[in-house]
Amino acid sequence: MNENVRLTAWVRGRVQGVGFRWWTRATALEIGGTAGYVSNLDDGRVQVVAEGPRDQCQQLLDWLRDGDTPGRVDGVTEIWGEPRGGYHSFQIR
């Protein structure tokens, strides 16, 4: 069963000022089926929140970890939860 989930991921490395948020949004739109946002954090990390079918959220997480991302990803920490709703697309914040 491919139930809807909420993925929150924190990406660390050289991920600000290199087009990482734009790339993440484009990747999420390419995968399809997810809504949420990507934003820079004050500590240099990028936060990604995606809601949708588990398979699509897992694919986005895999791309964050292993994809040909802009900059340099040193690590990704994630938590899974219940979707909260309220997102109609995937946005850059």
N, C-alpha and C. Protein backbone atom coordinates (compact mmCIF):
# COMPACT_ATOMS: atom_id res chain seq x y z
N MET A 1 0.84 -1.19 0.00
CA MET A 1 0.00 0.00 0.00
C MET A 1 0.88 1.24 0.00
N ASN A 2 0.54 2.21 -0.82
CA ASN A 2 1.32 3.43 -0.95
C ASN A 2 0.57 4.59 -0.30
N GLU A 3 0.54 4.58 1.04
CA GLU A 3 -0.21 5.59 1.76
C GLU A 3 0.48 6.95 1.69
N ASN A 4 -0.28 8.00 1.93
CA ASN A 4 0.30 9.34 1.96
C ASN A 4 1.06 9.55 3.26
N VAL A 5 2.20 10.22 3.16
CA VAL A 5 3.08 10.46 4.29
C VAL A 5 3.59 11.90 4.23
N ARG A 6 4.27 12.29 5.29
CA ARG A 6 4.99 13.56 5.34
C ARG A 6 6.45 13.26 5.58
N LEU A 7 7.29 13.71 4.68
CA LEU A 7 8.74 13.59 4.82
C LEU A 7 9.30 14.96 5.16
N THR A 8 10.06 15.04 6.25
CA THR A 8 10.83 16.25 6.55
C THR A 8 12.29 15.84 6.54
N ALA A 9 13.08 16.52 5.70
CA ALA A 9 14.49 16.19 5.56
C ALA A 9 15.32 17.44 5.74
N TRP A 10 16.46 17.27 6.42
CA TRP A 10 17.42 18.36 6.59
C TRP A 10 18.69 17.96 5.88
N VAL A 11 19.09 18.79 4.92
CA VAL A 11 20.25 18.50 4.08
C VAL A 11 21.40 19.40 4.51
N ARG A 12 22.55 18.79 4.81
CA ARG A 12 23.71 19.59 5.21
C ARG A 12 24.84 19.42 4.21
N GLY A 13 25.67 20.42 4.14
CA GLY A 13 26.77 20.47 3.19
C GLY A 13 26.83 21.86 2.59
N ARG A 14 27.35 21.96 1.38
CA ARG A 14 27.35 23.24 0.66
C ARG A 14 26.10 23.26 -0.21
N VAL A 15 24.98 23.66 0.41
CA VAL A 15 23.68 23.55 -0.26
C VAL A 15 22.93 24.87 -0.33
N GLN A 16 23.56 25.96 0.10
CA GLN A 16 22.94 27.27 -0.03
C GLN A 16 23.74 28.11 -1.01
N GLY A 17 23.04 28.87 -1.84
CA GLY A 17 23.69 29.74 -2.81
C GLY A 17 24.22 29.01 -4.03
N VAL A 18 23.73 27.78 -4.26
CA VAL A 18 24.22 26.98 -5.39
C VAL A 18 23.09 26.45 -6.27
N GLY A 19 21.87 26.94 -6.06
CA GLY A 19 20.72 26.47 -6.85
C GLY A 19 20.07 25.21 -6.30
N PHE A 20 20.40 24.86 -5.07
CA PHE A 20 19.90 23.60 -4.50
C PHE A 20 18.38 23.62 -4.32
N ARG A 21 17.82 24.75 -3.85
CA ARG A 21 16.37 24.81 -3.65
C ARG A 21 15.65 24.69 -4.99
N TRP A 22 16.14 25.40 -6.01
CA TRP A 22 15.53 25.32 -7.34
C TRP A 22 15.58 23.88 -7.84
N TRP A 23 16.75 23.22 -7.70
CA TRP A 23 16.92 21.84 -8.16
C TRP A 23 15.95 20.90 -7.41
N THR A 24 15.80 21.12 -6.09
CA THR A 24 14.92 20.26 -5.30
C THR A 24 13.47 20.42 -5.76
N ARG A 25 13.04 21.65 -6.00
CA ARG A 25 11.67 21.88 -6.48
C ARG A 25 11.47 21.23 -7.84
N ALA A 26 12.43 21.42 -8.76
CA ALA A 26 12.33 20.82 -10.09
C ALA A 26 12.27 19.30 -10.00
N THR A 27 13.06 18.72 -9.11
CA THR A 27 13.08 17.27 -8.93
C THR A 27 11.74 16.79 -8.38
N ALA A 28 11.20 17.49 -7.39
CA ALA A 28 9.91 17.11 -6.82
C ALA A 28 8.81 17.18 -7.88
N LEU A 29 8.84 18.22 -8.72
CA LEU A 29 7.84 18.34 -9.77
C LEU A 29 8.01 17.24 -10.82
N GLU A 30 9.25 16.86 -11.10
CA GLU A 30 9.51 15.79 -12.06
C GLU A 30 8.99 14.45 -11.54
N ILE A 31 9.22 14.18 -10.26
CA ILE A 31 8.71 12.94 -9.65
C ILE A 31 7.19 12.95 -9.68
N GLY A 32 6.61 14.09 -9.33
CA GLY A 32 5.15 14.23 -9.32
C GLY A 32 4.52 13.66 -8.07
N GLY A 33 3.31 14.10 -7.79
CA GLY A 33 2.54 13.53 -6.70
C GLY A 33 2.83 14.09 -5.33
N THR A 34 3.81 14.99 -5.21
CA THR A 34 4.13 15.54 -3.90
C THR A 34 3.81 17.03 -3.86
N ALA A 35 3.59 17.52 -2.67
CA ALA A 35 3.42 18.94 -2.41
C ALA A 35 4.21 19.27 -1.16
N GLY A 36 4.64 20.51 -1.05
CA GLY A 36 5.41 20.92 0.12
C GLY A 36 6.29 22.10 -0.21
N TYR A 37 7.48 22.13 0.40
CA TYR A 37 8.37 23.26 0.17
C TYR A 37 9.81 22.89 0.49
N VAL A 38 10.70 23.75 0.04
CA VAL A 38 12.12 23.67 0.35
C VAL A 38 12.56 25.06 0.79
N SER A 39 13.36 25.13 1.86
CA SER A 39 13.78 26.44 2.37
C SER A 39 15.17 26.36 2.98
N ASN A 40 15.85 27.50 2.95
CA ASN A 40 17.15 27.63 3.61
C ASN A 40 16.95 27.83 5.10
N LEU A 41 17.82 27.27 5.90
CA LEU A 41 17.82 27.48 7.34
C LEU A 41 19.00 28.37 7.70
N ASP A 42 18.89 29.07 8.83
CA ASP A 42 19.94 30.00 9.26
C ASP A 42 21.28 29.30 9.53
N ASP A 43 21.26 28.02 9.84
CA ASP A 43 22.50 27.30 10.17
C ASP A 43 23.21 26.73 8.95
N GLY A 44 22.72 27.06 7.73
CA GLY A 44 23.38 26.60 6.51
C GLY A 44 22.78 25.36 5.89
N ARG A 45 21.85 24.71 6.60
CA ARG A 45 21.19 23.54 6.03
C ARG A 45 20.01 23.98 5.17
N VAL A 46 19.47 23.02 4.42
CA VAL A 46 18.24 23.21 3.67
C VAL A 46 17.22 22.23 4.23
N GLN A 47 16.00 22.71 4.44
CA GLN A 47 14.90 21.86 4.92
C GLN A 47 13.97 21.57 3.77
N VAL A 48 13.59 20.30 3.65
CA VAL A 48 12.65 19.87 2.62
C VAL A 48 11.46 19.22 3.32
N VAL A 49 10.26 19.69 3.01
CA VAL A 49 9.03 19.09 3.53
C VAL A 49 8.22 18.65 2.32
N ALA A 50 7.93 17.36 2.24
CA ALA A 50 7.16 16.83 1.11
C ALA A 50 6.06 15.93 1.64
N GLU A 51 4.88 16.11 1.10
CA GLU A 51 3.76 15.24 1.43
C GLU A 51 3.22 14.62 0.16
N GLY A 52 2.86 13.35 0.27
CA GLY A 52 2.32 12.63 -0.86
C GLY A 52 2.52 11.14 -0.65
N PRO A 53 2.35 10.35 -1.71
CA PRO A 53 2.55 8.91 -1.60
C PRO A 53 3.97 8.57 -1.14
N ARG A 54 4.08 7.56 -0.29
CA ARG A 54 5.39 7.19 0.27
C ARG A 54 6.42 6.94 -0.82
N ASP A 55 6.04 6.27 -1.91
CA ASP A 55 7.00 5.97 -2.97
C ASP A 55 7.63 7.24 -3.56
N GLN A 56 6.80 8.26 -3.81
CA GLN A 56 7.33 9.49 -4.37
C GLN A 56 8.20 10.24 -3.37
N CYS A 57 7.79 10.26 -2.11
CA CYS A 57 8.60 10.92 -1.07
C CYS A 57 9.93 10.19 -0.90
N GLN A 58 9.91 8.86 -0.94
CA GLN A 58 11.15 8.09 -0.83
C GLN A 58 12.06 8.37 -2.02
N GLN A 59 11.47 8.49 -3.22
CA GLN A 59 12.28 8.79 -4.40
C GLN A 59 12.94 10.16 -4.27
N LEU A 60 12.21 11.15 -3.76
CA LEU A 60 12.81 12.47 -3.55
C LEU A 60 13.95 12.38 -2.53
N LEU A 61 13.74 11.65 -1.45
CA LEU A 61 14.80 11.48 -0.45
C LEU A 61 16.02 10.81 -1.06
N ASP A 62 15.81 9.78 -1.87
CA ASP A 62 16.93 9.11 -2.53
C ASP A 62 17.69 10.07 -3.43
N TRP A 63 16.98 10.93 -4.15
CA TRP A 63 17.64 11.92 -5.03
C TRP A 63 18.43 12.92 -4.20
N LEU A 64 17.88 13.33 -3.04
CA LEU A 64 18.61 14.26 -2.18
C LEU A 64 19.92 13.65 -1.71
N ARG A 65 19.90 12.35 -1.45
CA ARG A 65 21.10 11.67 -0.95
C ARG A 65 22.08 11.32 -2.06
N ASP A 66 21.57 10.87 -3.21
CA ASP A 66 22.44 10.27 -4.22
C ASP A 66 22.36 10.92 -5.58
N GLY A 67 21.52 11.93 -5.74
CA GLY A 67 21.36 12.54 -7.05
C GLY A 67 22.52 13.46 -7.40
N ASP A 68 22.51 13.93 -8.61
CA ASP A 68 23.52 14.87 -9.10
C ASP A 68 23.07 16.27 -8.69
N THR A 69 23.18 16.57 -7.40
CA THR A 69 22.67 17.82 -6.85
C THR A 69 23.67 18.95 -7.08
N PRO A 70 23.18 20.19 -7.12
CA PRO A 70 24.10 21.32 -7.09
C PRO A 70 24.80 21.37 -5.73
N GLY A 71 25.98 21.94 -5.71
CA GLY A 71 26.71 22.04 -4.44
C GLY A 71 27.25 20.70 -4.01
N ARG A 72 27.23 20.48 -2.69
CA ARG A 72 27.75 19.23 -2.13
C ARG A 72 26.90 18.82 -0.94
N VAL A 73 26.34 17.63 -0.99
CA VAL A 73 25.54 17.10 0.12
C VAL A 73 26.45 16.25 1.00
N ASP A 74 26.59 16.64 2.26
CA ASP A 74 27.39 15.87 3.21
C ASP A 74 26.54 14.86 3.97
N GLY A 75 25.25 15.11 4.07
CA GLY A 75 24.38 14.17 4.77
C GLY A 75 22.95 14.66 4.77
N VAL A 76 22.03 13.73 4.97
CA VAL A 76 20.61 14.04 5.03
C VAL A 76 20.02 13.31 6.24
N THR A 77 19.31 14.05 7.07
CA THR A 77 18.57 13.47 8.19
C THR A 77 17.10 13.62 7.89
N GLU A 78 16.32 12.57 8.12
CA GLU A 78 14.89 12.67 7.80
C GLU A 78 14.04 12.10 8.92
N ILE A 79 12.80 12.58 8.96
CA ILE A 79 11.78 11.99 9.81
C ILE A 79 10.53 11.81 8.95
N TRP A 80 9.77 10.79 9.27
CA TRP A 80 8.53 10.48 8.56
C TRP A 80 7.37 10.70 9.51
N GLY A 81 6.25 11.15 8.97
CA GLY A 81 5.08 11.36 9.80
C GLY A 81 3.81 11.35 8.99
N GLU A 82 2.74 11.72 9.66
CA GLU A 82 1.42 11.81 9.03
C GLU A 82 1.34 13.13 8.27
N PRO A 83 0.73 13.12 7.07
CA PRO A 83 0.58 14.38 6.34
C PRO A 83 -0.34 15.34 7.09
N ARG A 84 -0.01 16.62 7.01
CA ARG A 84 -0.81 17.66 7.67
C ARG A 84 -1.68 18.42 6.68
N GLY A 85 -1.33 18.32 5.39
CA GLY A 85 -2.11 19.01 4.37
C GLY A 85 -1.79 20.50 4.31
N GLY A 86 -2.52 21.18 3.47
CA GLY A 86 -2.34 22.62 3.33
C GLY A 86 -1.41 23.03 2.21
N TYR A 87 -0.79 22.08 1.53
CA TYR A 87 0.11 22.38 0.42
C TYR A 87 -0.59 22.03 -0.89
N HIS A 88 -0.50 22.94 -1.86
CA HIS A 88 -1.17 22.71 -3.14
C HIS A 88 -0.17 22.49 -4.26
N SER A 89 1.10 22.76 -3.99
CA SER A 89 2.16 22.58 -4.98
C SER A 89 3.47 22.42 -4.21
N PHE A 90 4.57 22.39 -4.93
CA PHE A 90 5.88 22.32 -4.29
C PHE A 90 6.56 23.66 -4.50
N GLN A 91 6.86 24.36 -3.42
CA GLN A 91 7.33 25.73 -3.49
C GLN A 91 8.72 25.92 -2.90
N ILE A 92 9.35 27.00 -3.32
CA ILE A 92 10.60 27.46 -2.72
C ILE A 92 10.23 28.55 -1.73
N ARG A 93 10.74 28.43 -0.53
CA ARG A 93 10.47 29.47 0.49
C ARG A 93 11.77 30.15 0.86
